[in-house]
Amino acid sequence: MKRQLSNVEFQISKTMRFVFTMFVAAFFCGCIKKSEPANTASAENVPLRIVSMAPNLTEILFALGLDEEIVGVTRHCNFPQKAESKTCIGTFWLPDIEAVLACRPTLVITEGFPRQAALAARLKNMGCRTLTLDIETIEQLHTAILAIGDAVDRTEAARGIVEQLKKQQAEMTARYADVSPRLKVLWVIQREPLRVAGRKTFPNELIESVGGVNAVGDTPHQYPPVSAETVLGTLPDVIIETADDREASKKQKETASQFYRRFASVPAVQRGRIYVLEGDLVCRLGPRLNEGMEQVAECLWPKEKP
């Protein structure tokens, strides 16, 4: 009869398996020696093997023509469709470092929020080349695309994407610059409890770019919870919600009238101007940004452009 492992022996065994996994993964991955500068990981004879830690980063990489070089993405990376065939390394919020290393990356690109920044720091300490980016505004998106382009030797392609984005964004902003009155927009990110986008957010940039103004004033939080009294007091002309997927979108549209009927005095509710948009398009700071901006514009000015 086989002897059962004690708790101590089990924990030691578990730890040794983890250490061995890390050693093997690091040995075969594209990590570099700690004594070498990080940018030497992109040596001429070393093929790129990129792990993307966010959906918008994945879209940027595909837009740069790096289909074959992408070896790992998060569970939430769903565009373009080819992204879904890549190895999954966990979720956006909870990446799996073992899965990342198993992809043998020569470059791991992360966002700058604490959990992903911590992952990048761990990988860097192991000698892996990482690129961490803050992308919370349109300007930061432009900067990030250029930074990724430089990191993967696609500088000219990155410049082309940014120039096109800026050109279209400038045209749209100019189109709505003189509209009057500017419609008040309530951007709802969650119903229960009711939570909205404040003025120091990316959705606020979209609203203002297409001739609107955020119905919510200055708040201490980016996405504050709001009371029913606050909604009634702001009197939004338009209410915009975002949905995670098609099923969620269908459900939100079907239940919108029932949910917002308690705000019967609000102009948006009275006129039926409640819209549910695809979250992947309007909430994802990536190369499809302008498509999302157009959708927001359609919500504010559905019949004719000013």
Protein backbone atom coordinates (compact mmCIF):
# COMPACT_ATOMS: atom_id res chain seq x y z
CA MET A 1 0.00 0.00 0.00
CA LYS A 2 1.34 3.40 -0.95
CA ARG A 3 2.23 5.70 1.98
CA GLN A 4 0.18 8.92 2.05
CA LEU A 5 2.19 12.12 2.02
CA SER A 6 2.07 14.25 5.13
CA ASN A 7 0.93 17.86 4.85
CA VAL A 8 4.52 19.06 5.09
CA GLU A 9 5.71 16.61 2.45
CA PHE A 10 2.79 17.56 0.20
CA GLN A 11 3.60 21.26 0.45
CA ILE A 12 7.29 20.60 -0.25
CA SER A 13 6.36 18.46 -3.24
CA LYS A 14 3.98 21.14 -4.51
CA THR A 15 6.67 23.82 -4.11
CA MET A 16 9.28 21.73 -5.89
CA ARG A 17 6.91 21.14 -8.82
CA PHE A 18 6.28 24.88 -9.07
CA VAL A 19 10.02 25.68 -8.97
CA PHE A 20 10.72 23.04 -11.58
CA THR A 21 7.96 24.41 -13.82
CA MET A 22 9.38 27.92 -13.50
CA PHE A 23 12.88 26.69 -14.27
CA VAL A 24 11.84 24.76 -17.37
CA ALA A 25 9.63 27.56 -18.64
CA ALA A 26 12.32 30.17 -18.10
CA PHE A 27 14.91 27.94 -19.74
CA PHE A 28 12.89 27.57 -22.92
CA CYS A 29 11.31 31.02 -22.99
CA GLY A 30 12.79 34.06 -24.66
CA CYS A 31 13.94 35.60 -21.40
CA ILE A 32 17.34 37.21 -21.32
CA LYS A 33 20.11 37.30 -18.78
CA LYS A 34 19.53 39.88 -16.08
CA SER A 35 22.87 41.53 -16.83
CA GLU A 36 21.74 42.39 -20.37
CA PRO A 37 19.75 45.51 -21.21
CA ALA A 38 16.03 44.75 -21.72
CA ASN A 39 16.03 45.90 -25.31
CA THR A 40 18.62 43.33 -26.33
CA ALA A 41 15.92 40.69 -26.21
CA SER A 42 14.90 41.67 -29.71
CA ALA A 43 18.12 40.50 -31.30
CA GLU A 44 18.04 40.06 -35.06
CA ASN A 45 18.08 36.26 -34.99
CA VAL A 46 15.51 35.87 -32.20
CA PRO A 47 11.96 35.57 -33.59
CA LEU A 48 9.32 37.58 -31.82
CA ARG A 49 7.01 35.63 -29.53
CA ILE A 50 4.58 38.09 -27.98
CA VAL A 51 2.15 37.64 -25.11
CA SER A 52 -0.57 40.28 -24.90
CA MET A 53 -2.19 40.89 -21.55
CA ALA A 54 -5.20 42.97 -22.66
CA PRO A 55 -7.78 42.98 -25.48
CA ASN A 56 -6.85 46.45 -26.73
CA LEU A 57 -3.15 45.49 -26.79
CA THR A 58 -4.04 42.41 -28.84
CA GLU A 59 -5.97 44.53 -31.33
CA ILE A 60 -3.02 46.89 -31.68
CA LEU A 61 -0.65 43.99 -32.34
CA PHE A 62 -2.92 42.53 -35.02
CA ALA A 63 -3.29 45.97 -36.60
CA LEU A 64 0.50 46.09 -36.83
CA GLY A 65 0.48 42.83 -38.79
CA LEU A 66 1.85 40.61 -36.02
CA ASP A 67 -0.55 37.68 -36.39
CA GLU A 68 2.14 35.00 -36.42
CA GLU A 69 4.19 36.61 -33.65
CA ILE A 70 1.36 36.63 -31.08
CA VAL A 71 1.61 33.43 -29.01
CA GLY A 72 -0.54 34.21 -25.97
CA VAL A 73 -3.58 36.36 -25.15
CA THR A 74 -6.16 36.72 -22.37
CA ARG A 75 -9.54 35.05 -22.30
CA HIS A 76 -11.13 38.41 -23.10
CA CYS A 77 -9.19 38.94 -26.35
CA ASN A 78 -11.89 38.31 -28.94
CA PHE A 79 -11.02 40.60 -31.85
CA PRO A 80 -10.04 39.97 -34.51
CA GLN A 81 -11.45 36.44 -34.60
CA LYS A 82 -7.96 34.97 -35.01
CA ALA A 83 -7.19 36.13 -31.48
CA GLU A 84 -9.51 33.46 -30.11
CA SER A 85 -7.29 30.74 -31.56
CA LYS A 86 -4.24 31.89 -29.61
CA THR A 87 -3.12 30.28 -26.35
CA CYS A 88 -5.05 31.62 -23.35
CA ILE A 89 -2.88 32.82 -20.47
CA GLY A 90 -5.67 33.62 -18.02
CA THR A 91 -7.94 36.59 -17.64
CA PHE A 92 -7.31 40.31 -17.98
CA TRP A 93 -7.58 40.71 -14.20
CA LEU A 94 -5.98 37.43 -13.16
CA PRO A 95 -3.21 36.32 -15.54
CA ASP A 96 -1.43 33.00 -14.99
CA ILE A 97 2.33 33.50 -14.86
CA GLU A 98 3.00 29.81 -15.53
CA ALA A 99 0.83 29.96 -18.67
CA VAL A 100 2.68 33.07 -19.77
CA LEU A 101 6.08 31.41 -19.38
CA ALA A 102 4.87 28.27 -21.13
CA CYS A 103 4.36 30.39 -24.26
CA ARG A 104 8.15 31.01 -24.32
CA PRO A 105 7.68 34.77 -24.93
CA THR A 106 10.38 37.13 -26.07
CA LEU A 107 8.12 40.07 -25.19
CA VAL A 108 5.22 40.40 -22.74
CA ILE A 109 3.07 43.52 -23.06
CA THR A 110 0.95 44.54 -20.08
CA GLU A 111 -1.20 47.42 -18.95
CA GLY A 112 -0.15 49.60 -16.05
CA PHE A 113 -2.77 48.82 -13.41
CA PRO A 114 -1.37 47.23 -10.23
CA ARG A 115 -2.03 43.53 -10.87
CA GLN A 116 -0.53 43.51 -14.37
CA ALA A 117 2.31 45.83 -13.35
CA ALA A 118 3.19 43.36 -10.59
CA LEU A 119 3.20 40.52 -13.11
CA ALA A 120 5.49 42.51 -15.40
CA ALA A 121 7.86 43.16 -12.49
CA ARG A 122 8.04 39.44 -11.67
CA LEU A 123 8.72 38.54 -15.28
CA LYS A 124 11.35 41.26 -15.56
CA ASN A 125 13.11 39.92 -12.46
CA MET A 126 13.26 36.54 -14.22
CA GLY A 127 14.98 38.21 -17.15
CA CYS A 128 11.98 38.51 -19.47
CA ARG A 129 11.53 41.50 -21.70
CA THR A 130 8.37 43.40 -20.83
CA LEU A 131 6.57 46.53 -21.96
CA THR A 132 4.06 48.13 -19.57
CA LEU A 133 1.71 50.82 -20.84
CA ASP A 134 -0.87 53.14 -19.30
CA ILE A 135 -3.81 53.50 -21.69
CA GLU A 136 -6.64 55.43 -20.08
CA THR A 137 -7.00 58.36 -22.48
CA ILE A 138 -7.03 58.87 -26.25
CA GLU A 139 -3.65 60.59 -26.11
CA GLN A 140 -2.20 57.67 -24.14
CA LEU A 141 -3.56 55.31 -26.79
CA HIS A 142 -1.63 57.15 -29.50
CA THR A 143 1.53 57.04 -27.38
CA ALA A 144 1.06 53.34 -26.64
CA ILE A 145 0.67 52.39 -30.30
CA LEU A 146 3.92 54.18 -31.11
CA ALA A 147 5.70 52.53 -28.17
CA ILE A 148 4.53 49.08 -29.25
CA GLY A 149 5.57 49.83 -32.82
CA ASP A 150 9.08 50.72 -31.67
CA ALA A 151 9.29 47.62 -29.46
CA VAL A 152 8.34 45.20 -32.25
CA ASP A 153 10.12 46.93 -35.14
CA ARG A 154 6.92 48.21 -36.73
CA THR A 155 7.60 51.91 -36.24
CA GLU A 156 6.30 53.09 -39.62
CA ALA A 157 3.15 50.98 -39.41
CA ALA A 158 2.46 52.36 -35.93
CA ARG A 159 2.89 55.92 -37.14
CA GLY A 160 0.45 55.25 -39.96
CA ILE A 161 -2.20 53.93 -37.57
CA VAL A 162 -1.81 56.89 -35.22
CA GLU A 163 -1.89 59.43 -38.04
CA GLN A 164 -5.12 57.91 -39.39
CA LEU A 165 -6.71 57.86 -35.94
CA LYS A 166 -5.77 61.48 -35.29
CA LYS A 167 -7.01 62.61 -38.69
CA GLN A 168 -10.42 60.98 -38.30
CA GLN A 169 -10.75 62.14 -34.70
CA ALA A 170 -9.94 65.73 -35.65
CA GLU A 171 -12.52 65.63 -38.45
CA MET A 172 -15.19 64.31 -36.10
CA THR A 173 -14.40 66.82 -33.37
CA ALA A 174 -14.59 69.65 -35.90
CA ARG A 175 -17.91 68.34 -37.23
CA TYR A 176 -19.54 68.70 -33.82
CA ALA A 177 -17.60 71.68 -32.49
CA ASP A 178 -20.36 74.25 -32.96
CA VAL A 179 -23.45 72.24 -32.03
CA SER A 180 -25.85 73.99 -29.69
CA PRO A 181 -27.19 73.14 -27.28
CA ARG A 182 -24.75 70.44 -26.27
CA LEU A 183 -26.70 67.39 -25.18
CA LYS A 184 -26.24 66.08 -21.65
CA VAL A 185 -25.21 62.41 -21.63
CA LEU A 186 -25.40 59.93 -18.75
CA TRP A 187 -22.96 57.07 -19.42
CA VAL A 188 -24.09 54.12 -17.31
CA ILE A 189 -21.55 51.35 -16.74
CA GLN A 190 -23.61 49.40 -14.21
CA ARG A 191 -27.27 49.35 -13.18
CA GLU A 192 -27.19 47.64 -9.79
CA PRO A 193 -25.92 49.58 -7.98
CA LEU A 194 -26.16 52.43 -10.46
CA ARG A 195 -22.66 53.53 -11.48
CA VAL A 196 -21.68 56.03 -14.16
CA ALA A 197 -18.64 57.43 -15.95
CA GLY A 198 -17.34 60.65 -14.43
CA ARG A 199 -15.52 63.46 -16.18
CA LYS A 200 -12.00 62.12 -15.73
CA THR A 201 -12.63 59.09 -17.91
CA PHE A 202 -12.28 57.87 -21.47
CA PRO A 203 -16.08 57.77 -22.03
CA ASN A 204 -16.16 61.46 -21.14
CA GLU A 205 -13.66 62.10 -23.94
CA LEU A 206 -15.95 60.31 -26.38
CA ILE A 207 -18.96 62.32 -25.23
CA GLU A 208 -17.21 65.65 -25.60
CA SER A 209 -15.63 64.71 -28.95
CA VAL A 210 -19.06 64.35 -30.56
CA GLY A 211 -20.75 67.43 -29.23
CA GLY A 212 -22.05 66.25 -25.88
CA VAL A 213 -21.40 67.08 -22.25
CA ASN A 214 -21.28 64.68 -19.33
CA ALA A 215 -24.49 65.00 -17.30
CA VAL A 216 -22.49 64.20 -14.17
CA GLY A 217 -20.37 66.99 -12.71
CA ASP A 218 -16.95 66.66 -11.12
CA THR A 219 -16.67 63.64 -8.84
CA PRO A 220 -13.90 62.32 -6.56
CA HIS A 221 -14.04 58.95 -8.32
CA GLN A 222 -13.71 58.12 -12.00
CA TYR A 223 -16.75 55.83 -12.02
CA PRO A 224 -18.87 56.89 -9.04
CA PRO A 225 -22.03 55.23 -7.77
CA VAL A 226 -24.98 57.62 -8.05
CA SER A 227 -28.36 57.81 -6.40
CA ALA A 228 -31.72 58.02 -8.11
CA GLU A 229 -31.95 61.61 -6.89
CA THR A 230 -28.70 62.44 -8.67
CA VAL A 231 -29.99 61.03 -11.96
CA LEU A 232 -33.22 62.98 -11.61
CA GLY A 233 -31.24 66.12 -10.86
CA THR A 234 -28.90 65.83 -13.85
CA LEU A 235 -31.75 65.55 -16.38
CA PRO A 236 -29.73 63.80 -19.14
CA ASP A 237 -30.89 64.13 -22.74
CA VAL A 238 -29.29 60.81 -23.66
CA ILE A 239 -28.48 57.68 -21.66
CA ILE A 240 -25.79 55.32 -22.95
CA GLU A 241 -25.09 51.87 -21.56
CA THR A 242 -22.46 49.39 -22.67
CA ALA A 243 -22.83 45.61 -22.88
CA ASP A 244 -20.18 42.93 -22.51
CA ASP A 245 -21.54 40.74 -25.30
CA ARG A 246 -24.52 40.19 -27.60
CA GLU A 247 -26.50 38.25 -25.03
CA ALA A 248 -26.01 40.97 -22.42
CA SER A 249 -26.87 43.63 -25.01
CA LYS A 250 -30.15 41.91 -25.88
CA LYS A 251 -31.11 41.58 -22.23
CA GLN A 252 -30.25 45.20 -21.42
CA LYS A 253 -32.28 46.48 -24.36
CA GLU A 254 -35.26 44.36 -23.37
CA THR A 255 -35.21 45.56 -19.77
CA ALA A 256 -34.22 49.21 -20.30
CA SER A 257 -37.75 50.61 -20.31
CA GLN A 258 -38.67 48.81 -17.12
CA PHE A 259 -35.47 49.81 -15.32
CA TYR A 260 -35.57 53.50 -16.24
CA ARG A 261 -39.29 54.06 -15.76
CA ARG A 262 -38.60 55.31 -12.23
CA PHE A 263 -36.85 58.25 -13.93
CA ALA A 264 -39.93 59.23 -15.92
CA SER A 265 -39.19 62.96 -15.60
CA VAL A 266 -35.77 62.60 -17.25
CA PRO A 267 -35.73 63.83 -20.89
CA ALA A 268 -33.82 60.77 -22.14
CA VAL A 269 -36.49 58.47 -20.71
CA GLN A 270 -39.40 60.59 -21.93
CA ARG A 271 -38.05 60.55 -25.50
CA GLY A 272 -36.86 56.96 -25.52
CA ARG A 273 -33.24 57.99 -25.98
CA ILE A 274 -31.66 55.10 -24.13
CA TYR A 275 -28.97 53.27 -26.09
CA VAL A 276 -27.03 50.06 -25.43
CA LEU A 277 -23.71 49.90 -27.26
CA GLU A 278 -21.13 47.17 -27.80
CA GLY A 279 -18.65 47.52 -24.96
CA ASP A 280 -15.80 46.00 -26.94
CA LEU A 281 -16.06 48.84 -29.44
CA VAL A 282 -16.78 51.91 -27.34
CA CYS A 283 -14.90 51.00 -24.15
CA ARG A 284 -11.75 49.51 -25.67
CA LEU A 285 -8.97 51.99 -26.31
CA GLY A 286 -7.55 50.44 -29.45
CA PRO A 287 -7.31 50.86 -33.23
CA ARG A 288 -11.11 50.61 -33.64
CA LEU A 289 -11.62 53.66 -31.45
CA ASN A 290 -13.04 55.79 -34.24
CA GLU A 291 -15.76 53.23 -34.98
CA GLY A 292 -16.84 53.48 -31.37
CA MET A 293 -16.79 57.26 -31.55
CA GLU A 294 -19.09 57.12 -34.57
CA GLN A 295 -21.55 54.95 -32.64
CA VAL A 296 -21.63 57.45 -29.78
CA ALA A 297 -22.22 60.26 -32.29
CA GLU A 298 -25.17 58.34 -33.73
CA CYS A 299 -26.72 58.19 -30.28
CA LEU A 300 -26.53 61.95 -29.86
CA TRP A 301 -27.39 62.93 -33.44
CA PRO A 302 -29.35 59.99 -34.90
CA LYS A 303 -31.22 61.76 -37.70
CA GLU A 304 -28.80 64.17 -39.24
CA LYS A 305 -25.33 65.43 -38.68
CA PRO A 306 -24.96 69.08 -37.72
